Amino acid sequence: MNISHIEHLGIAVKSIEDSLPYYEGVLGLKCYNIEVVEDQKVKTAFFKVGQTKIELLEPTSPDSTIAKFIEKKGEGIHHIAFSVDSVASSLAEAESKGVQLIDKAPRAGAEGLNIAFLHPKSTCSVLTEFCEHPSK
């Protein structure tokens, strides 16, 4: 697989609105995109920090994976996402090396990216996401 950079860090929050004063007011970052990803039951907000982004993840349903994460572990870092040339080939390579997959195939994510997750049981307890810009 060809990882070019950290695409983003996903941070679970109870409320994007309540979190904005810290990221914008204290850190001086500018939120440039907020969107809802219906099939993931999540609202996202993005900030750029150099080439990397911070993605805030707010649950839109009590049965979403983000709501369950917050209930179990509290707010905080949820996952790390790597930019790859091809999510499909990166998944195949990871699986061939014994990594347990959450997603067997790429799916649509926020900001129009193709995404897939690797199970933290196989990734040193860190939920890992592969991201591919569809223009590549």
N, C-alpha and C. Protein backbone atom coordinates (compact mmCIF):
# COMPACT_ATOMS: atom_id res chain seq x y z
N MET A 1 0.85 -1.18 0.00
CA MET A 1 0.00 0.00 0.00
C MET A 1 0.89 1.23 0.00
N ASN A 2 0.39 2.30 -0.51
CA ASN A 2 1.17 3.52 -0.61
C ASN A 2 0.49 4.60 0.24
N ILE A 3 0.95 4.75 1.48
CA ILE A 3 0.41 5.79 2.36
C ILE A 3 1.19 7.07 2.10
N SER A 4 0.48 8.14 1.74
CA SER A 4 1.17 9.40 1.44
C SER A 4 1.24 10.33 2.64
N HIS A 5 0.22 10.30 3.49
CA HIS A 5 0.20 11.17 4.67
C HIS A 5 -0.97 10.81 5.58
N ILE A 6 -0.98 11.40 6.77
CA ILE A 6 -2.14 11.27 7.64
C ILE A 6 -3.22 12.17 7.05
N GLU A 7 -4.32 11.58 6.65
CA GLU A 7 -5.42 12.34 6.05
C GLU A 7 -6.13 13.14 7.13
N HIS A 8 -6.47 12.47 8.23
CA HIS A 8 -7.10 13.18 9.34
C HIS A 8 -7.05 12.35 10.62
N LEU A 9 -7.30 13.04 11.72
CA LEU A 9 -7.52 12.41 13.01
C LEU A 9 -8.98 12.61 13.35
N GLY A 10 -9.68 11.53 13.64
CA GLY A 10 -11.09 11.61 14.00
C GLY A 10 -11.25 11.72 15.50
N ILE A 11 -12.01 12.72 15.93
CA ILE A 11 -12.22 12.96 17.36
C ILE A 11 -13.72 12.93 17.66
N ALA A 12 -14.12 12.02 18.52
CA ALA A 12 -15.53 11.89 18.91
C ALA A 12 -15.89 12.99 19.91
N VAL A 13 -16.97 13.69 19.62
CA VAL A 13 -17.47 14.75 20.51
C VAL A 13 -18.98 14.59 20.68
N LYS A 14 -19.47 15.04 21.82
CA LYS A 14 -20.91 15.01 22.05
C LYS A 14 -21.61 16.06 21.21
N SER A 15 -20.95 17.21 21.02
CA SER A 15 -21.55 18.33 20.30
C SER A 15 -20.48 19.11 19.55
N ILE A 16 -20.63 19.19 18.24
CA ILE A 16 -19.72 20.02 17.44
C ILE A 16 -19.86 21.47 17.85
N GLU A 17 -21.09 21.91 18.02
CA GLU A 17 -21.34 23.31 18.40
C GLU A 17 -20.62 23.68 19.69
N ASP A 18 -20.65 22.77 20.67
CA ASP A 18 -19.97 23.03 21.95
C ASP A 18 -18.45 22.93 21.83
N SER A 19 -17.96 22.22 20.82
CA SER A 19 -16.52 22.03 20.63
C SER A 19 -15.87 23.14 19.81
N LEU A 20 -16.64 23.82 18.99
CA LEU A 20 -16.08 24.86 18.10
C LEU A 20 -15.32 25.95 18.85
N PRO A 21 -15.80 26.45 20.00
CA PRO A 21 -15.03 27.50 20.68
C PRO A 21 -13.60 27.10 21.01
N TYR A 22 -13.36 25.84 21.33
CA TYR A 22 -12.00 25.40 21.62
C TYR A 22 -11.16 25.38 20.34
N TYR A 23 -11.66 24.72 19.31
CA TYR A 23 -10.87 24.56 18.09
C TYR A 23 -10.68 25.89 17.36
N GLU A 24 -11.71 26.72 17.34
CA GLU A 24 -11.59 28.00 16.64
C GLU A 24 -11.07 29.11 17.56
N GLY A 25 -11.64 29.23 18.75
CA GLY A 25 -11.29 30.33 19.63
C GLY A 25 -9.96 30.17 20.33
N VAL A 26 -9.66 28.96 20.79
CA VAL A 26 -8.42 28.73 21.53
C VAL A 26 -7.28 28.37 20.57
N LEU A 27 -7.51 27.37 19.70
CA LEU A 27 -6.45 26.92 18.80
C LEU A 27 -6.30 27.80 17.56
N GLY A 28 -7.34 28.57 17.24
CA GLY A 28 -7.27 29.45 16.08
C GLY A 28 -7.46 28.75 14.75
N LEU A 29 -8.03 27.55 14.77
CA LEU A 29 -8.32 26.83 13.54
C LEU A 29 -9.64 27.31 12.96
N LYS A 30 -9.83 27.11 11.67
CA LYS A 30 -11.07 27.53 11.01
C LYS A 30 -11.81 26.30 10.50
N CYS A 31 -13.03 26.13 10.98
CA CYS A 31 -13.87 25.05 10.48
C CYS A 31 -14.28 25.40 9.05
N TYR A 32 -13.94 24.53 8.11
CA TYR A 32 -14.23 24.83 6.70
C TYR A 32 -15.35 23.97 6.12
N ASN A 33 -15.79 22.94 6.86
CA ASN A 33 -16.84 22.09 6.32
C ASN A 33 -17.55 21.36 7.45
N ILE A 34 -18.87 21.42 7.45
CA ILE A 34 -19.70 20.61 8.35
C ILE A 34 -20.69 19.87 7.47
N GLU A 35 -20.80 18.55 7.68
CA GLU A 35 -21.76 17.77 6.91
C GLU A 35 -22.24 16.58 7.71
N VAL A 36 -23.38 16.08 7.33
CA VAL A 36 -23.95 14.88 7.94
C VAL A 36 -23.73 13.72 6.98
N VAL A 37 -23.23 12.61 7.51
CA VAL A 37 -23.09 11.38 6.74
C VAL A 37 -24.16 10.44 7.26
N GLU A 38 -25.29 10.43 6.57
CA GLU A 38 -26.49 9.73 7.04
C GLU A 38 -26.25 8.26 7.35
N ASP A 39 -25.60 7.53 6.43
CA ASP A 39 -25.46 6.09 6.63
C ASP A 39 -24.51 5.74 7.78
N GLN A 40 -23.69 6.70 8.22
CA GLN A 40 -22.81 6.47 9.36
C GLN A 40 -23.39 7.08 10.65
N LYS A 41 -24.54 7.74 10.52
CA LYS A 41 -25.22 8.36 11.67
C LYS A 41 -24.29 9.31 12.43
N VAL A 42 -23.65 10.19 11.65
CA VAL A 42 -22.67 11.10 12.22
C VAL A 42 -22.70 12.45 11.51
N LYS A 43 -22.42 13.48 12.28
CA LYS A 43 -22.23 14.84 11.76
C LYS A 43 -20.74 15.12 11.91
N THR A 44 -20.12 15.66 10.87
CA THR A 44 -18.68 15.90 10.90
C THR A 44 -18.37 17.38 10.73
N ALA A 45 -17.26 17.79 11.30
CA ALA A 45 -16.73 19.15 11.11
C ALA A 45 -15.23 19.00 10.87
N PHE A 46 -14.70 19.75 9.89
CA PHE A 46 -13.30 19.61 9.51
C PHE A 46 -12.52 20.90 9.70
N PHE A 47 -11.27 20.71 10.12
CA PHE A 47 -10.30 21.80 10.29
C PHE A 47 -9.00 21.34 9.62
N LYS A 48 -8.31 22.25 8.94
CA LYS A 48 -7.01 21.93 8.35
C LYS A 48 -5.90 22.35 9.28
N VAL A 49 -4.90 21.48 9.40
CA VAL A 49 -3.68 21.77 10.15
C VAL A 49 -2.55 21.31 9.23
N GLY A 50 -2.02 22.22 8.44
CA GLY A 50 -1.05 21.82 7.42
C GLY A 50 -1.74 20.93 6.40
N GLN A 51 -1.12 19.79 6.10
CA GLN A 51 -1.69 18.85 5.15
C GLN A 51 -2.71 17.92 5.81
N THR A 52 -2.73 17.91 7.13
CA THR A 52 -3.59 17.01 7.88
C THR A 52 -4.86 17.73 8.33
N LYS A 53 -5.92 16.97 8.50
CA LYS A 53 -7.18 17.53 8.97
C LYS A 53 -7.54 16.94 10.33
N ILE A 54 -8.32 17.69 11.07
CA ILE A 54 -8.98 17.22 12.28
C ILE A 54 -10.45 17.06 11.90
N GLU A 55 -11.02 15.90 12.21
CA GLU A 55 -12.44 15.64 11.93
C GLU A 55 -13.14 15.42 13.26
N LEU A 56 -14.06 16.34 13.59
CA LEU A 56 -14.91 16.13 14.76
C LEU A 56 -16.08 15.27 14.33
N LEU A 57 -16.44 14.30 15.16
CA LEU A 57 -17.51 13.36 14.87
C LEU A 57 -18.56 13.44 15.97
N GLU A 58 -19.74 13.90 15.61
CA GLU A 58 -20.86 14.01 16.55
C GLU A 58 -21.92 12.99 16.17
N PRO A 59 -22.36 12.16 17.10
CA PRO A 59 -23.40 11.18 16.75
C PRO A 59 -24.73 11.87 16.43
N THR A 60 -25.42 11.33 15.44
CA THR A 60 -26.75 11.85 15.11
C THR A 60 -27.84 10.88 15.55
N SER A 61 -27.42 9.77 16.17
CA SER A 61 -28.36 8.76 16.65
C SER A 61 -27.73 8.05 17.85
N PRO A 62 -28.54 7.70 18.85
CA PRO A 62 -27.99 7.02 20.02
C PRO A 62 -27.43 5.64 19.70
N ASP A 63 -27.77 5.06 18.53
CA ASP A 63 -27.24 3.74 18.18
C ASP A 63 -26.08 3.82 17.20
N SER A 64 -25.53 5.01 16.97
CA SER A 64 -24.39 5.15 16.07
C SER A 64 -23.12 4.64 16.75
N THR A 65 -22.12 4.29 15.95
CA THR A 65 -20.86 3.83 16.52
C THR A 65 -20.19 4.93 17.34
N ILE A 66 -20.36 6.18 16.94
CA ILE A 66 -19.74 7.29 17.69
C ILE A 66 -20.44 7.45 19.04
N ALA A 67 -21.76 7.34 19.08
CA ALA A 67 -22.48 7.43 20.36
C ALA A 67 -22.04 6.32 21.29
N LYS A 68 -21.88 5.11 20.76
CA LYS A 68 -21.44 3.98 21.58
C LYS A 68 -20.01 4.18 22.06
N PHE A 69 -19.16 4.74 21.20
CA PHE A 69 -17.77 5.02 21.58
C PHE A 69 -17.75 6.01 22.75
N ILE A 70 -18.50 7.10 22.63
CA ILE A 70 -18.53 8.13 23.67
C ILE A 70 -19.08 7.55 24.97
N GLU A 71 -20.12 6.73 24.86
CA GLU A 71 -20.71 6.11 26.06
C GLU A 71 -19.68 5.22 26.77
N LYS A 72 -18.88 4.50 26.01
CA LYS A 72 -17.93 3.55 26.57
C LYS A 72 -16.63 4.22 27.02
N LYS A 73 -16.11 5.14 26.20
CA LYS A 73 -14.78 5.69 26.45
C LYS A 73 -14.75 7.19 26.70
N GLY A 74 -15.86 7.87 26.44
CA GLY A 74 -15.89 9.32 26.56
C GLY A 74 -15.41 9.99 25.28
N GLU A 75 -15.47 11.31 25.28
CA GLU A 75 -15.02 12.06 24.11
C GLU A 75 -13.51 11.91 23.96
N GLY A 76 -13.04 11.97 22.73
CA GLY A 76 -11.60 11.90 22.50
C GLY A 76 -11.26 11.31 21.15
N ILE A 77 -9.98 11.00 20.98
CA ILE A 77 -9.52 10.49 19.69
C ILE A 77 -10.21 9.16 19.40
N HIS A 78 -10.80 9.09 18.23
CA HIS A 78 -11.55 7.92 17.80
C HIS A 78 -10.76 7.07 16.80
N HIS A 79 -10.11 7.73 15.82
CA HIS A 79 -9.37 6.98 14.80
C HIS A 79 -8.31 7.84 14.13
N ILE A 80 -7.40 7.16 13.43
CA ILE A 80 -6.43 7.82 12.57
C ILE A 80 -6.71 7.36 11.15
N ALA A 81 -6.67 8.32 10.22
CA ALA A 81 -6.95 8.01 8.82
C ALA A 81 -5.73 8.32 7.97
N PHE A 82 -5.38 7.36 7.13
CA PHE A 82 -4.25 7.51 6.23
C PHE A 82 -4.74 7.68 4.79
N SER A 83 -4.11 8.57 4.06
CA SER A 83 -4.40 8.75 2.65
C SER A 83 -3.65 7.70 1.85
N VAL A 84 -4.37 6.95 1.03
CA VAL A 84 -3.77 5.90 0.20
C VAL A 84 -4.19 6.10 -1.25
N ASP A 85 -3.41 5.52 -2.17
CA ASP A 85 -3.74 5.61 -3.60
C ASP A 85 -5.02 4.84 -3.91
N SER A 86 -5.18 3.68 -3.28
CA SER A 86 -6.33 2.82 -3.56
C SER A 86 -6.78 2.14 -2.27
N VAL A 87 -7.98 2.44 -1.84
CA VAL A 87 -8.51 1.79 -0.64
C VAL A 87 -8.67 0.29 -0.89
N ALA A 88 -9.19 -0.07 -2.05
CA ALA A 88 -9.42 -1.49 -2.34
C ALA A 88 -8.13 -2.29 -2.28
N SER A 89 -7.07 -1.82 -2.91
CA SER A 89 -5.81 -2.58 -2.89
C SER A 89 -5.16 -2.54 -1.51
N SER A 90 -5.32 -1.45 -0.77
CA SER A 90 -4.78 -1.36 0.58
C SER A 90 -5.49 -2.34 1.51
N LEU A 91 -6.81 -2.47 1.34
CA LEU A 91 -7.56 -3.46 2.13
C LEU A 91 -7.08 -4.88 1.83
N ALA A 92 -6.92 -5.17 0.54
CA ALA A 92 -6.48 -6.50 0.14
C ALA A 92 -5.09 -6.80 0.71
N GLU A 93 -4.20 -5.82 0.66
CA GLU A 93 -2.86 -6.03 1.20
C GLU A 93 -2.89 -6.23 2.71
N ALA A 94 -3.67 -5.40 3.41
CA ALA A 94 -3.77 -5.53 4.86
C ALA A 94 -4.34 -6.90 5.23
N GLU A 95 -5.39 -7.32 4.53
CA GLU A 95 -6.00 -8.62 4.82
C GLU A 95 -5.02 -9.76 4.54
N SER A 96 -4.24 -9.63 3.47
CA SER A 96 -3.26 -10.68 3.15
C SER A 96 -2.18 -10.80 4.22
N LYS A 97 -2.01 -9.75 5.02
CA LYS A 97 -1.03 -9.74 6.10
C LYS A 97 -1.67 -10.08 7.44
N GLY A 98 -2.91 -10.56 7.40
CA GLY A 98 -3.57 -11.04 8.61
C GLY A 98 -4.36 -10.00 9.38
N VAL A 99 -4.56 -8.82 8.81
CA VAL A 99 -5.31 -7.76 9.49
C VAL A 99 -6.80 -8.01 9.32
N GLN A 100 -7.54 -7.91 10.41
CA GLN A 100 -9.00 -8.06 10.38
C GLN A 100 -9.61 -6.77 9.85
N LEU A 101 -10.49 -6.89 8.87
CA LEU A 101 -11.14 -5.74 8.25
C LEU A 101 -12.51 -5.50 8.87
N ILE A 102 -12.87 -4.24 9.02
CA ILE A 102 -14.25 -3.88 9.34
C ILE A 102 -15.02 -3.78 8.04
N ASP A 103 -14.41 -3.11 7.07
CA ASP A 103 -15.01 -2.95 5.73
C ASP A 103 -14.28 -3.85 4.75
N LYS A 104 -15.02 -4.67 4.03
CA LYS A 104 -14.43 -5.56 3.02
C LYS A 104 -14.21 -4.83 1.69
N ALA A 105 -14.90 -3.69 1.53
CA ALA A 105 -14.78 -2.91 0.29
C ALA A 105 -14.91 -1.43 0.64
N PRO A 106 -14.37 -0.56 -0.21
CA PRO A 106 -14.50 0.88 0.05
C PRO A 106 -15.97 1.30 0.06
N ARG A 107 -16.24 2.35 0.84
CA ARG A 107 -17.58 2.95 0.88
C ARG A 107 -17.43 4.46 0.91
N ALA A 108 -18.53 5.14 0.71
CA ALA A 108 -18.52 6.60 0.67
C ALA A 108 -18.38 7.17 2.08
N GLY A 109 -17.53 8.18 2.22
CA GLY A 109 -17.34 8.85 3.49
C GLY A 109 -17.53 10.34 3.35
N ALA A 110 -17.25 11.07 4.40
CA ALA A 110 -17.37 12.53 4.38
C ALA A 110 -16.41 13.11 3.35
N GLU A 111 -16.74 14.28 2.88
CA GLU A 111 -15.95 15.03 1.90
C GLU A 111 -15.76 14.28 0.58
N GLY A 112 -16.65 13.33 0.30
CA GLY A 112 -16.59 12.61 -0.97
C GLY A 112 -15.47 11.59 -1.07
N LEU A 113 -14.85 11.25 0.05
CA LEU A 113 -13.76 10.28 0.03
C LEU A 113 -14.28 8.86 -0.01
N ASN A 114 -13.51 7.96 -0.60
CA ASN A 114 -13.75 6.53 -0.48
C ASN A 114 -12.98 6.10 0.77
N ILE A 115 -13.65 5.36 1.64
CA ILE A 115 -13.04 5.00 2.94
C ILE A 115 -13.25 3.53 3.27
N ALA A 116 -12.46 3.05 4.21
CA ALA A 116 -12.65 1.72 4.79
C ALA A 116 -11.86 1.67 6.09
N PHE A 117 -12.35 0.85 7.03
CA PHE A 117 -11.73 0.75 8.35
C PHE A 117 -11.13 -0.63 8.58
N LEU A 118 -10.03 -0.63 9.34
CA LEU A 118 -9.39 -1.84 9.82
C LEU A 118 -9.75 -2.01 11.29
N HIS A 119 -9.94 -3.25 11.71
CA HIS A 119 -10.37 -3.51 13.08
C HIS A 119 -9.24 -3.28 14.06
N PRO A 120 -9.53 -2.55 15.16
CA PRO A 120 -8.47 -2.27 16.14
C PRO A 120 -7.87 -3.52 16.80
N LYS A 121 -8.56 -4.64 16.76
CA LYS A 121 -8.00 -5.88 17.30
C LYS A 121 -6.75 -6.30 16.53
N SER A 122 -6.63 -5.81 15.29
CA SER A 122 -5.49 -6.17 14.43
C SER A 122 -4.52 -5.02 14.22
N THR A 123 -4.78 -3.87 14.84
CA THR A 123 -3.98 -2.68 14.54
C THR A 123 -3.46 -2.02 15.82
N CYS A 124 -2.98 -2.82 16.73
CA CYS A 124 -2.43 -2.32 17.99
C CYS A 124 -3.43 -1.44 18.75
N SER A 125 -4.70 -1.81 18.69
CA SER A 125 -5.81 -1.14 19.39
C SER A 125 -6.14 0.25 18.87
N VAL A 126 -5.67 0.60 17.67
CA VAL A 126 -5.98 1.90 17.08
C VAL A 126 -6.89 1.69 15.87
N LEU A 127 -8.12 2.21 15.95
CA LEU A 127 -9.02 2.14 14.81
C LEU A 127 -8.36 2.90 13.66
N THR A 128 -8.16 2.22 12.53
CA THR A 128 -7.43 2.77 11.40
C THR A 128 -8.33 2.85 10.19
N GLU A 129 -8.27 3.98 9.51
CA GLU A 129 -9.09 4.22 8.32
C GLU A 129 -8.17 4.48 7.13
N PHE A 130 -8.53 3.92 5.99
CA PHE A 130 -7.88 4.27 4.73
C PHE A 130 -8.81 5.21 3.99
N CYS A 131 -8.25 6.27 3.40
CA CYS A 131 -9.02 7.25 2.64
C CYS A 131 -8.41 7.41 1.25
N GLU A 132 -9.29 7.52 0.28
CA GLU A 132 -8.84 7.72 -1.11
C GLU A 132 -9.66 8.85 -1.71
N HIS A 133 -8.97 9.81 -2.27
CA HIS A 133 -9.66 10.87 -2.99
C HIS A 133 -10.12 10.29 -4.32
N PRO A 134 -11.40 10.38 -4.66
CA PRO A 134 -11.92 9.73 -5.85
C PRO A 134 -11.28 10.21 -7.16
N SER A 135 -10.66 11.37 -7.14
CA SER A 135 -10.03 11.88 -8.35
C SER A 135 -8.74 11.15 -8.67
N LYS A 136 -8.25 10.36 -7.72
CA LYS A 136 -6.99 9.64 -7.95
C LYS A 136 -7.23 8.36 -8.68
